[in-house]
mmCIF file of all heavy atoms, coordinates in Angstrom:
data_MODEL
# 
_entry.id   MODEL 
# 
loop_
_atom_site.group_PDB 
_atom_site.id 
_atom_site.type_symbol 
_atom_site.label_atom_id 
_atom_site.label_alt_id 
_atom_site.label_comp_id 
_atom_site.label_asym_id 
_atom_site.label_entity_id 
_atom_site.label_seq_id 
_atom_site.pdbx_PDB_ins_code 
_atom_site.Cartn_x 
_atom_site.Cartn_y 
_atom_site.Cartn_z 
_atom_site.occupancy 
_atom_site.B_iso_or_equiv 
_atom_site.pdbx_formal_charge 
_atom_site.auth_seq_id 
_atom_site.auth_comp_id 
_atom_site.auth_asym_id 
_atom_site.auth_atom_id 
_atom_site.pdbx_PDB_model_num 
ATOM 1   N N   . ILE A 1 1  ? 7.901   7.105   24.476 1.00 0.00 ? 1  ILE A N   1 
ATOM 2   C CA  . ILE A 1 1  ? 9.340   7.335   24.425 1.00 0.00 ? 1  ILE A CA  1 
ATOM 3   C C   . ILE A 1 1  ? 10.012  6.246   23.603 1.00 0.00 ? 1  ILE A C   1 
ATOM 4   O O   . ILE A 1 1  ? 9.622   5.071   23.674 1.00 0.00 ? 1  ILE A O   1 
ATOM 5   C CB  . ILE A 1 1  ? 9.941   7.327   25.843 1.00 0.00 ? 1  ILE A CB  1 
ATOM 6   C CG1 . ILE A 1 1  ? 9.318   8.418   26.709 1.00 0.00 ? 1  ILE A CG1 1 
ATOM 7   C CG2 . ILE A 1 1  ? 11.452  7.453   25.810 1.00 0.00 ? 1  ILE A CG2 1 
ATOM 8   C CD1 . ILE A 1 1  ? 9.655   9.822   26.262 1.00 0.00 ? 1  ILE A CD1 1 
ATOM 9   N N   . LEU A 1 2  ? 11.028  6.632   22.840 1.00 0.00 ? 2  LEU A N   1 
ATOM 10  C CA  . LEU A 1 2  ? 11.915  5.668   22.194 1.00 0.00 ? 2  LEU A CA  1 
ATOM 11  C C   . LEU A 1 2  ? 13.342  6.032   22.590 1.00 0.00 ? 2  LEU A C   1 
ATOM 12  O O   . LEU A 1 2  ? 13.871  7.038   22.134 1.00 0.00 ? 2  LEU A O   1 
ATOM 13  C CB  . LEU A 1 2  ? 11.753  5.684   20.683 1.00 0.00 ? 2  LEU A CB  1 
ATOM 14  C CG  . LEU A 1 2  ? 12.583  4.626   19.939 1.00 0.00 ? 2  LEU A CG  1 
ATOM 15  C CD1 . LEU A 1 2  ? 12.085  3.220   20.268 1.00 0.00 ? 2  LEU A CD1 1 
ATOM 16  C CD2 . LEU A 1 2  ? 12.559  4.863   18.432 1.00 0.00 ? 2  LEU A CD2 1 
ATOM 17  N N   . GLN A 1 3  ? 13.912  5.220   23.460 1.00 0.00 ? 3  GLN A N   1 
ATOM 18  C CA  . GLN A 1 3  ? 15.297  5.398   23.879 1.00 0.00 ? 3  GLN A CA  1 
ATOM 19  C C   . GLN A 1 3  ? 16.182  4.611   22.924 1.00 0.00 ? 3  GLN A C   1 
ATOM 20  O O   . GLN A 1 3  ? 16.013  3.395   22.789 1.00 0.00 ? 3  GLN A O   1 
ATOM 21  C CB  . GLN A 1 3  ? 15.496  4.917   25.306 1.00 0.00 ? 3  GLN A CB  1 
ATOM 22  C CG  . GLN A 1 3  ? 16.927  5.008   25.808 1.00 0.00 ? 3  GLN A CG  1 
ATOM 23  C CD  . GLN A 1 3  ? 17.420  6.435   25.944 1.00 0.00 ? 3  GLN A CD  1 
ATOM 24  O OE1 . GLN A 1 3  ? 16.709  7.302   26.446 1.00 0.00 ? 3  GLN A OE1 1 
ATOM 25  N NE2 . GLN A 1 3  ? 18.639  6.682   25.485 1.00 0.00 ? 3  GLN A NE2 1 
ATOM 26  N N   . MET A 1 4  ? 17.106  5.311   22.271 1.00 0.00 ? 4  MET A N   1 
ATOM 27  C CA  . MET A 1 4  ? 17.959  4.674   21.260 1.00 0.00 ? 4  MET A CA  1 
ATOM 28  C C   . MET A 1 4  ? 19.415  4.752   21.711 1.00 0.00 ? 4  MET A C   1 
ATOM 29  O O   . MET A 1 4  ? 19.956  5.852   21.849 1.00 0.00 ? 4  MET A O   1 
ATOM 30  C CB  . MET A 1 4  ? 17.770  5.364   19.911 1.00 0.00 ? 4  MET A CB  1 
ATOM 31  C CG  . MET A 1 4  ? 16.321  5.415   19.457 1.00 0.00 ? 4  MET A CG  1 
ATOM 32  S SD  . MET A 1 4  ? 16.125  6.070   17.785 1.00 0.00 ? 4  MET A SD  1 
ATOM 33  C CE  . MET A 1 4  ? 16.697  7.749   18.027 1.00 0.00 ? 4  MET A CE  1 
ATOM 34  N N   . ASN A 1 5  ? 20.004  3.603   21.940 1.00 0.00 ? 5  ASN A N   1 
ATOM 35  C CA  . ASN A 1 5  ? 21.407  3.519   22.361 1.00 0.00 ? 5  ASN A CA  1 
ATOM 36  C C   . ASN A 1 5  ? 22.225  2.800   21.294 1.00 0.00 ? 5  ASN A C   1 
ATOM 37  O O   . ASN A 1 5  ? 21.675  2.143   20.408 1.00 0.00 ? 5  ASN A O   1 
ATOM 38  C CB  . ASN A 1 5  ? 21.516  2.774   23.685 1.00 0.00 ? 5  ASN A CB  1 
ATOM 39  C CG  . ASN A 1 5  ? 20.766  3.441   24.815 1.00 0.00 ? 5  ASN A CG  1 
ATOM 40  O OD1 . ASN A 1 5  ? 20.664  4.674   24.865 1.00 0.00 ? 5  ASN A OD1 1 
ATOM 41  N ND2 . ASN A 1 5  ? 20.249  2.645   25.735 1.00 0.00 ? 5  ASN A ND2 1 
ATOM 42  N N   . SER A 1 6  ? 23.526  2.939   21.385 1.00 0.00 ? 6  SER A N   1 
ATOM 43  C CA  . SER A 1 6  ? 24.444  2.283   20.440 1.00 0.00 ? 6  SER A CA  1 
ATOM 44  C C   . SER A 1 6  ? 24.012  2.519   18.991 1.00 0.00 ? 6  SER A C   1 
ATOM 45  O O   . SER A 1 6  ? 23.947  1.591   18.181 1.00 0.00 ? 6  SER A O   1 
ATOM 46  C CB  . SER A 1 6  ? 24.501  0.776   20.727 1.00 0.00 ? 6  SER A CB  1 
ATOM 47  O OG  . SER A 1 6  ? 24.907  0.530   22.058 1.00 0.00 ? 6  SER A OG  1 
ATOM 48  N N   . LEU A 1 7  ? 23.735  3.750   18.684 1.00 0.00 ? 7  LEU A N   1 
ATOM 49  C CA  . LEU A 1 7  ? 23.226  4.088   17.357 1.00 0.00 ? 7  LEU A CA  1 
ATOM 50  C C   . LEU A 1 7  ? 24.263  3.804   16.277 1.00 0.00 ? 7  LEU A C   1 
ATOM 51  O O   . LEU A 1 7  ? 25.468  3.955   16.497 1.00 0.00 ? 7  LEU A O   1 
ATOM 52  C CB  . LEU A 1 7  ? 22.788  5.543   17.316 1.00 0.00 ? 7  LEU A CB  1 
ATOM 53  C CG  . LEU A 1 7  ? 21.427  5.807   17.974 1.00 0.00 ? 7  LEU A CG  1 
ATOM 54  C CD1 . LEU A 1 7  ? 21.272  7.278   18.322 1.00 0.00 ? 7  LEU A CD1 1 
ATOM 55  C CD2 . LEU A 1 7  ? 20.306  5.349   17.056 1.00 0.00 ? 7  LEU A CD2 1 
ATOM 56  N N   . LYS A 1 8  ? 23.752  3.414   15.117 1.00 0.00 ? 8  LYS A N   1 
ATOM 57  C CA  . LYS A 1 8  ? 24.585  3.087   13.964 1.00 0.00 ? 8  LYS A CA  1 
ATOM 58  C C   . LYS A 1 8  ? 24.187  3.976   12.792 1.00 0.00 ? 8  LYS A C   1 
ATOM 59  O O   . LYS A 1 8  ? 23.053  4.456   12.742 1.00 0.00 ? 8  LYS A O   1 
ATOM 60  C CB  . LYS A 1 8  ? 24.379  1.625   13.583 1.00 0.00 ? 8  LYS A CB  1 
ATOM 61  C CG  . LYS A 1 8  ? 24.625  0.631   14.698 1.00 0.00 ? 8  LYS A CG  1 
ATOM 62  C CD  . LYS A 1 8  ? 24.285  -0.786  14.251 1.00 0.00 ? 8  LYS A CD  1 
ATOM 63  C CE  . LYS A 1 8  ? 24.525  -1.789  15.362 1.00 0.00 ? 8  LYS A CE  1 
ATOM 64  N NZ  . LYS A 1 8  ? 24.204  -3.179  14.937 1.00 0.00 ? 8  LYS A NZ  1 
ATOM 65  N N   . PRO A 1 9  ? 25.081  4.178   11.843 1.00 0.00 ? 9  PRO A N   1 
ATOM 66  C CA  . PRO A 1 9  ? 24.728  4.997   10.669 1.00 0.00 ? 9  PRO A CA  1 
ATOM 67  C C   . PRO A 1 9  ? 23.478  4.492   9.955  1.00 0.00 ? 9  PRO A C   1 
ATOM 68  O O   . PRO A 1 9  ? 22.697  5.306   9.429  1.00 0.00 ? 9  PRO A O   1 
ATOM 69  C CB  . PRO A 1 9  ? 25.969  4.885   9.789  1.00 0.00 ? 9  PRO A CB  1 
ATOM 70  C CG  . PRO A 1 9  ? 27.094  4.691   10.756 1.00 0.00 ? 9  PRO A CG  1 
ATOM 71  C CD  . PRO A 1 9  ? 26.509  3.829   11.853 1.00 0.00 ? 9  PRO A CD  1 
ATOM 72  N N   . GLU A 1 10 ? 23.253  3.196   9.961  1.00 0.00 ? 10 GLU A N   1 
ATOM 73  C CA  . GLU A 1 10 ? 22.074  2.650   9.296  1.00 0.00 ? 10 GLU A CA  1 
ATOM 74  C C   . GLU A 1 10 ? 20.771  2.952   10.033 1.00 0.00 ? 10 GLU A C   1 
ATOM 75  O O   . GLU A 1 10 ? 19.690  2.655   9.528  1.00 0.00 ? 10 GLU A O   1 
ATOM 76  C CB  . GLU A 1 10 ? 22.202  1.141   9.076  1.00 0.00 ? 10 GLU A CB  1 
ATOM 77  C CG  . GLU A 1 10 ? 22.579  0.355   10.307 1.00 0.00 ? 10 GLU A CG  1 
ATOM 78  C CD  . GLU A 1 10 ? 24.068  0.091   10.402 1.00 0.00 ? 10 GLU A CD  1 
ATOM 79  O OE1 . GLU A 1 10 ? 24.874  1.010   10.118 1.00 0.00 ? 10 GLU A OE1 1 
ATOM 80  O OE2 . GLU A 1 10 ? 24.435  -1.053  10.779 1.00 0.00 ? 10 GLU A OE2 1 
ATOM 81  N N   . ASP A 1 11 ? 20.858  3.546   11.216 1.00 0.00 ? 11 ASP A N   1 
ATOM 82  C CA  . ASP A 1 11 ? 19.652  3.993   11.925 1.00 0.00 ? 11 ASP A CA  1 
ATOM 83  C C   . ASP A 1 11 ? 19.195  5.370   11.451 1.00 0.00 ? 11 ASP A C   1 
ATOM 84  O O   . ASP A 1 11 ? 18.141  5.850   11.868 1.00 0.00 ? 11 ASP A O   1 
ATOM 85  C CB  . ASP A 1 11 ? 19.907  4.048   13.438 1.00 0.00 ? 11 ASP A CB  1 
ATOM 86  C CG  . ASP A 1 11 ? 20.162  2.682   14.048 1.00 0.00 ? 11 ASP A CG  1 
ATOM 87  O OD1 . ASP A 1 11 ? 19.452  1.725   13.676 1.00 0.00 ? 11 ASP A OD1 1 
ATOM 88  O OD2 . ASP A 1 11 ? 21.077  2.578   14.891 1.00 0.00 ? 11 ASP A OD2 1 
ATOM 89  N N   . THR A 1 12 ? 19.983  6.009   10.600 1.00 0.00 ? 12 THR A N   1 
ATOM 90  C CA  . THR A 1 12 ? 19.626  7.325   10.087 1.00 0.00 ? 12 THR A CA  1 
ATOM 91  C C   . THR A 1 12 ? 18.318  7.272   9.311  1.00 0.00 ? 12 THR A C   1 
ATOM 92  O O   . THR A 1 12 ? 18.160  6.466   8.391  1.00 0.00 ? 12 THR A O   1 
ATOM 93  C CB  . THR A 1 12 ? 20.749  7.858   9.178  1.00 0.00 ? 12 THR A CB  1 
ATOM 94  O OG1 . THR A 1 12 ? 21.924  8.072   9.959  1.00 0.00 ? 12 THR A OG1 1 
ATOM 95  C CG2 . THR A 1 12 ? 20.336  9.166   8.508  1.00 0.00 ? 12 THR A CG2 1 
ATOM 96  N N   . ALA A 1 13 ? 17.371  8.117   9.716  1.00 0.00 ? 13 ALA A N   1 
ATOM 97  C CA  . ALA A 1 13 ? 16.045  8.119   9.097  1.00 0.00 ? 13 ALA A CA  1 
ATOM 98  C C   . ALA A 1 13 ? 15.203  9.204   9.748  1.00 0.00 ? 13 ALA A C   1 
ATOM 99  O O   . ALA A 1 13 ? 15.597  9.785   10.765 1.00 0.00 ? 13 ALA A O   1 
ATOM 100 C CB  . ALA A 1 13 ? 15.353  6.765   9.285  1.00 0.00 ? 13 ALA A CB  1 
ATOM 101 N N   . VAL A 1 14 ? 14.039  9.434   9.172  1.00 0.00 ? 14 VAL A N   1 
ATOM 102 C CA  . VAL A 1 14 ? 13.010  10.217  9.844  1.00 0.00 ? 14 VAL A CA  1 
ATOM 103 C C   . VAL A 1 14 ? 12.198  9.232   10.674 1.00 0.00 ? 14 VAL A C   1 
ATOM 104 O O   . VAL A 1 14 ? 11.728  8.212   10.154 1.00 0.00 ? 14 VAL A O   1 
ATOM 105 C CB  . VAL A 1 14 ? 12.106  10.960  8.855  1.00 0.00 ? 14 VAL A CB  1 
ATOM 106 C CG1 . VAL A 1 14 ? 10.995  11.697  9.602  1.00 0.00 ? 14 VAL A CG1 1 
ATOM 107 C CG2 . VAL A 1 14 ? 12.928  11.937  8.011  1.00 0.00 ? 14 VAL A CG2 1 
ATOM 108 N N   . TYR A 1 15 ? 12.054  9.533   11.944 1.00 0.00 ? 15 TYR A N   1 
ATOM 109 C CA  . TYR A 1 15 ? 11.326  8.661   12.863 1.00 0.00 ? 15 TYR A CA  1 
ATOM 110 C C   . TYR A 1 15 ? 9.943   9.240   13.146 1.00 0.00 ? 15 TYR A C   1 
ATOM 111 O O   . TYR A 1 15 ? 9.805   10.434  13.448 1.00 0.00 ? 15 TYR A O   1 
ATOM 112 C CB  . TYR A 1 15 ? 12.099  8.494   14.160 1.00 0.00 ? 15 TYR A CB  1 
ATOM 113 C CG  . TYR A 1 15 ? 13.261  7.538   14.035 1.00 0.00 ? 15 TYR A CG  1 
ATOM 114 C CD1 . TYR A 1 15 ? 14.397  7.885   13.313 1.00 0.00 ? 15 TYR A CD1 1 
ATOM 115 C CD2 . TYR A 1 15 ? 13.218  6.275   14.615 1.00 0.00 ? 15 TYR A CD2 1 
ATOM 116 C CE1 . TYR A 1 15 ? 15.455  6.999   13.162 1.00 0.00 ? 15 TYR A CE1 1 
ATOM 117 C CE2 . TYR A 1 15 ? 14.274  5.383   14.485 1.00 0.00 ? 15 TYR A CE2 1 
ATOM 118 C CZ  . TYR A 1 15 ? 15.380  5.756   13.752 1.00 0.00 ? 15 TYR A CZ  1 
ATOM 119 O OH  . TYR A 1 15 ? 16.428  4.869   13.618 1.00 0.00 ? 15 TYR A OH  1 
ATOM 120 N N   . TYR A 1 16 ? 8.931   8.377   13.042 1.00 0.00 ? 16 TYR A N   1 
ATOM 121 C CA  . TYR A 1 16 ? 7.546   8.767   13.239 1.00 0.00 ? 16 TYR A CA  1 
ATOM 122 C C   . TYR A 1 16 ? 6.943   7.980   14.400 1.00 0.00 ? 16 TYR A C   1 
ATOM 123 O O   . TYR A 1 16 ? 7.180   6.773   14.514 1.00 0.00 ? 16 TYR A O   1 
ATOM 124 C CB  . TYR A 1 16 ? 6.713   8.463   11.997 1.00 0.00 ? 16 TYR A CB  1 
ATOM 125 C CG  . TYR A 1 16 ? 7.155   9.174   10.753 1.00 0.00 ? 16 TYR A CG  1 
ATOM 126 C CD1 . TYR A 1 16 ? 8.097   8.599   9.904  1.00 0.00 ? 16 TYR A CD1 1 
ATOM 127 C CD2 . TYR A 1 16 ? 6.627   10.413  10.409 1.00 0.00 ? 16 TYR A CD2 1 
ATOM 128 C CE1 . TYR A 1 16 ? 8.514   9.242   8.744  1.00 0.00 ? 16 TYR A CE1 1 
ATOM 129 C CE2 . TYR A 1 16 ? 7.028   11.060  9.245  1.00 0.00 ? 16 TYR A CE2 1 
ATOM 130 C CZ  . TYR A 1 16 ? 7.960   10.469  8.427  1.00 0.00 ? 16 TYR A CZ  1 
ATOM 131 O OH  . TYR A 1 16 ? 8.355   11.112  7.285  1.00 0.00 ? 16 TYR A OH  1 
ATOM 132 N N   . CYS A 1 17 ? 6.144   8.640   15.216 1.00 0.00 ? 17 CYS A N   1 
ATOM 133 C CA  . CYS A 1 17 ? 5.329   7.893   16.162 1.00 0.00 ? 17 CYS A CA  1 
ATOM 134 C C   . CYS A 1 17 ? 3.920   7.762   15.588 1.00 0.00 ? 17 CYS A C   1 
ATOM 135 O O   . CYS A 1 17 ? 3.485   8.591   14.786 1.00 0.00 ? 17 CYS A O   1 
ATOM 136 C CB  . CYS A 1 17 ? 5.306   8.537   17.546 1.00 0.00 ? 17 CYS A CB  1 
ATOM 137 S SG  . CYS A 1 17 ? 4.431   10.099  17.669 1.00 0.00 ? 17 CYS A SG  1 
ATOM 138 N N   . ALA A 1 18 ? 3.247   6.711   15.996 1.00 0.00 ? 18 ALA A N   1 
ATOM 139 C CA  . ALA A 1 18 ? 1.923   6.409   15.477 1.00 0.00 ? 18 ALA A CA  1 
ATOM 140 C C   . ALA A 1 18 ? 1.060   5.844   16.582 1.00 0.00 ? 18 ALA A C   1 
ATOM 141 O O   . ALA A 1 18 ? 1.563   5.183   17.495 1.00 0.00 ? 18 ALA A O   1 
ATOM 142 C CB  . ALA A 1 18 ? 2.016   5.417   14.324 1.00 0.00 ? 18 ALA A CB  1 
ATOM 143 N N   . ALA A 1 19 ? -0.235  6.094   16.491 1.00 0.00 ? 19 ALA A N   1 
ATOM 144 C CA  . ALA A 1 19 ? -1.201  5.593   17.468 1.00 0.00 ? 19 ALA A CA  1 
ATOM 145 C C   . ALA A 1 19 ? -2.304  4.824   16.750 1.00 0.00 ? 19 ALA A C   1 
ATOM 146 O O   . ALA A 1 19 ? -2.781  5.243   15.696 1.00 0.00 ? 19 ALA A O   1 
ATOM 147 C CB  . ALA A 1 19 ? -1.795  6.746   18.263 1.00 0.00 ? 19 ALA A CB  1 
ATOM 148 N N   . GLY A 1 20 ? -2.697  3.715   17.350 1.00 0.00 ? 20 GLY A N   1 
ATOM 149 C CA  . GLY A 1 20 ? -3.774  2.928   16.756 1.00 0.00 ? 20 GLY A CA  1 
ATOM 150 C C   . GLY A 1 20 ? -4.411  2.023   17.784 1.00 0.00 ? 20 GLY A C   1 
ATOM 151 O O   . GLY A 1 20 ? -3.818  1.730   18.822 1.00 0.00 ? 20 GLY A O   1 
ATOM 152 N N   . ARG A 1 21 ? -5.599  1.581   17.481 1.00 0.00 ? 21 ARG A N   1 
ATOM 153 C CA  . ARG A 1 21 ? -6.285  0.609   18.345 1.00 0.00 ? 21 ARG A CA  1 
ATOM 154 C C   . ARG A 1 21 ? -6.291  -0.718  17.598 1.00 0.00 ? 21 ARG A C   1 
ATOM 155 O O   . ARG A 1 21 ? -7.233  -1.041  16.888 1.00 0.00 ? 21 ARG A O   1 
ATOM 156 C CB  . ARG A 1 21 ? -7.697  1.103   18.660 1.00 0.00 ? 21 ARG A CB  1 
ATOM 157 C CG  . ARG A 1 21 ? -7.702  2.435   19.384 1.00 0.00 ? 21 ARG A CG  1 
ATOM 158 C CD  . ARG A 1 21 ? -9.073  2.830   19.873 1.00 0.00 ? 21 ARG A CD  1 
ATOM 159 N NE  . ARG A 1 21 ? -9.527  1.930   20.937 1.00 0.00 ? 21 ARG A NE  1 
ATOM 160 C CZ  . ARG A 1 21 ? -10.661 2.096   21.598 1.00 0.00 ? 21 ARG A CZ  1 
ATOM 161 N NH1 . ARG A 1 21 ? -11.456 3.108   21.309 1.00 0.00 ? 21 ARG A NH1 1 
ATOM 162 N NH2 . ARG A 1 21 ? -11.012 1.245   22.544 1.00 0.00 ? 21 ARG A NH2 1 
ATOM 163 N N   . LEU A 1 22 ? -5.198  -1.437  17.739 1.00 0.00 ? 22 LEU A N   1 
ATOM 164 C CA  . LEU A 1 22 ? -5.031  -2.663  16.985 1.00 0.00 ? 22 LEU A CA  1 
ATOM 165 C C   . LEU A 1 22 ? -6.006  -3.723  17.468 1.00 0.00 ? 22 LEU A C   1 
ATOM 166 O O   . LEU A 1 22 ? -6.283  -3.834  18.666 1.00 0.00 ? 22 LEU A O   1 
ATOM 167 C CB  . LEU A 1 22 ? -3.585  -3.164  17.087 1.00 0.00 ? 22 LEU A CB  1 
ATOM 168 C CG  . LEU A 1 22 ? -2.598  -2.501  16.125 1.00 0.00 ? 22 LEU A CG  1 
ATOM 169 C CD1 . LEU A 1 22 ? -2.428  -1.014  16.423 1.00 0.00 ? 22 LEU A CD1 1 
ATOM 170 C CD2 . LEU A 1 22 ? -1.267  -3.223  16.135 1.00 0.00 ? 22 LEU A CD2 1 
ATOM 171 N N   . ARG A 1 23 ? -6.486  -4.510  16.519 1.00 0.00 ? 23 ARG A N   1 
ATOM 172 C CA  . ARG A 1 23 ? -7.498  -5.523  16.819 1.00 0.00 ? 23 ARG A CA  1 
ATOM 173 C C   . ARG A 1 23 ? -6.870  -6.873  17.142 1.00 0.00 ? 23 ARG A C   1 
ATOM 174 O O   . ARG A 1 23 ? -7.579  -7.880  17.193 1.00 0.00 ? 23 ARG A O   1 
ATOM 175 C CB  . ARG A 1 23 ? -8.457  -5.653  15.645 1.00 0.00 ? 23 ARG A CB  1 
ATOM 176 C CG  . ARG A 1 23 ? -9.228  -4.373  15.362 1.00 0.00 ? 23 ARG A CG  1 
ATOM 177 C CD  . ARG A 1 23 ? -10.172 -4.541  14.194 1.00 0.00 ? 23 ARG A CD  1 
ATOM 178 N NE  . ARG A 1 23 ? -10.904 -3.317  13.884 1.00 0.00 ? 23 ARG A NE  1 
ATOM 179 C CZ  . ARG A 1 23 ? -12.039 -2.988  14.477 1.00 0.00 ? 23 ARG A CZ  1 
ATOM 180 N NH1 . ARG A 1 23 ? -12.577 -3.782  15.369 1.00 0.00 ? 23 ARG A NH1 1 
ATOM 181 N NH2 . ARG A 1 23 ? -12.640 -1.864  14.139 1.00 0.00 ? 23 ARG A NH2 1 
ATOM 182 N N   . ARG A 1 24 ? -5.579  -6.906  17.342 1.00 0.00 ? 24 ARG A N   1 
ATOM 183 C CA  . ARG A 1 24 ? -4.921  -8.169  17.618 1.00 0.00 ? 24 ARG A CA  1 
ATOM 184 C C   . ARG A 1 24 ? -3.751  -7.938  18.565 1.00 0.00 ? 24 ARG A C   1 
ATOM 185 O O   . ARG A 1 24 ? -3.304  -6.801  18.739 1.00 0.00 ? 24 ARG A O   1 
ATOM 186 C CB  . ARG A 1 24 ? -4.405  -8.776  16.298 1.00 0.00 ? 24 ARG A CB  1 
ATOM 187 C CG  . ARG A 1 24 ? -3.333  -7.929  15.619 1.00 0.00 ? 24 ARG A CG  1 
ATOM 188 C CD  . ARG A 1 24 ? -2.862  -8.564  14.328 1.00 0.00 ? 24 ARG A CD  1 
ATOM 189 N NE  . ARG A 1 24 ? -1.838  -7.771  13.670 1.00 0.00 ? 24 ARG A NE  1 
ATOM 190 C CZ  . ARG A 1 24 ? -0.529  -7.937  13.883 1.00 0.00 ? 24 ARG A CZ  1 
ATOM 191 N NH1 . ARG A 1 24 ? -0.093  -8.832  14.739 1.00 0.00 ? 24 ARG A NH1 1 
ATOM 192 N NH2 . ARG A 1 24 ? 0.344   -7.189  13.233 1.00 0.00 ? 24 ARG A NH2 1 
ATOM 193 N N   . VAL A 1 25 ? -3.297  -8.999  19.147 1.00 0.00 ? 25 VAL A N   1 
ATOM 194 C CA  . VAL A 1 25 ? -2.080  -8.948  19.953 1.00 0.00 ? 25 VAL A CA  1 
ATOM 195 C C   . VAL A 1 25 ? -0.904  -8.954  18.987 1.00 0.00 ? 25 VAL A C   1 
ATOM 196 O O   . VAL A 1 25 ? -0.805  -9.816  18.117 1.00 0.00 ? 25 VAL A O   1 
ATOM 197 C CB  . VAL A 1 25 ? -2.000  -10.140 20.916 1.00 0.00 ? 25 VAL A CB  1 
ATOM 198 C CG1 . VAL A 1 25 ? -0.660  -10.137 21.659 1.00 0.00 ? 25 VAL A CG1 1 
ATOM 199 C CG2 . VAL A 1 25 ? -3.163  -10.095 21.905 1.00 0.00 ? 25 VAL A CG2 1 
ATOM 200 N N   . VAL A 1 26 ? -0.030  -7.997  19.125 1.00 0.00 ? 26 VAL A N   1 
ATOM 201 C CA  . VAL A 1 26 ? 1.079   -7.857  18.178 1.00 0.00 ? 26 VAL A CA  1 
ATOM 202 C C   . VAL A 1 26 ? 2.192   -8.839  18.493 1.00 0.00 ? 26 VAL A C   1 
ATOM 203 O O   . VAL A 1 26 ? 2.574   -9.004  19.647 1.00 0.00 ? 26 VAL A O   1 
ATOM 204 C CB  . VAL A 1 26 ? 1.608   -6.414  18.223 1.00 0.00 ? 26 VAL A CB  1 
ATOM 205 C CG1 . VAL A 1 26 ? 2.886   -6.291  17.413 1.00 0.00 ? 26 VAL A CG1 1 
ATOM 206 C CG2 . VAL A 1 26 ? 0.560   -5.455  17.688 1.00 0.00 ? 26 VAL A CG2 1 
ATOM 207 N N   . GLY A 1 27 ? 2.733   -9.478  17.458 1.00 0.00 ? 27 GLY A N   1 
ATOM 208 C CA  . GLY A 1 27 ? 3.847   -10.381 17.606 1.00 0.00 ? 27 GLY A CA  1 
ATOM 209 C C   . GLY A 1 27 ? 3.490   -11.802 17.327 1.00 0.00 ? 27 GLY A C   1 
ATOM 210 O O   . GLY A 1 27 ? 2.333   -12.187 17.517 1.00 0.00 ? 27 GLY A O   1 
ATOM 211 N N   . PRO A 1 28 ? 4.422   -12.630 16.834 1.00 0.00 ? 28 PRO A N   1 
ATOM 212 C CA  . PRO A 1 28 ? 5.754   -12.225 16.391 1.00 0.00 ? 28 PRO A CA  1 
ATOM 213 C C   . PRO A 1 28 ? 5.764   -11.445 15.067 1.00 0.00 ? 28 PRO A C   1 
ATOM 214 O O   . PRO A 1 28 ? 6.762   -10.793 14.754 1.00 0.00 ? 28 PRO A O   1 
ATOM 215 C CB  . PRO A 1 28 ? 6.493   -13.550 16.246 1.00 0.00 ? 28 PRO A CB  1 
ATOM 216 C CG  . PRO A 1 28 ? 5.411   -14.539 15.930 1.00 0.00 ? 28 PRO A CG  1 
ATOM 217 C CD  . PRO A 1 28 ? 4.205   -14.084 16.685 1.00 0.00 ? 28 PRO A CD  1 
ATOM 218 N N   . ALA A 1 29 ? 4.655   -11.531 14.304 1.00 0.00 ? 29 ALA A N   1 
ATOM 219 C CA  . ALA A 1 29 ? 4.627   -10.781 13.054 1.00 0.00 ? 29 ALA A CA  1 
ATOM 220 C C   . ALA A 1 29 ? 4.620   -9.282  13.356 1.00 0.00 ? 29 ALA A C   1 
ATOM 221 O O   . ALA A 1 29 ? 3.917   -8.828  14.268 1.00 0.00 ? 29 ALA A O   1 
ATOM 222 C CB  . ALA A 1 29 ? 3.400   -11.155 12.244 1.00 0.00 ? 29 ALA A CB  1 
# 
């Protein structure tokens, strides 16, 4: 789920979900 609140015009886009088995802990990069 992606809950989007306080939306702005600059949020306009096509949104994609993706799945992967990442080999690292994500963040901060």
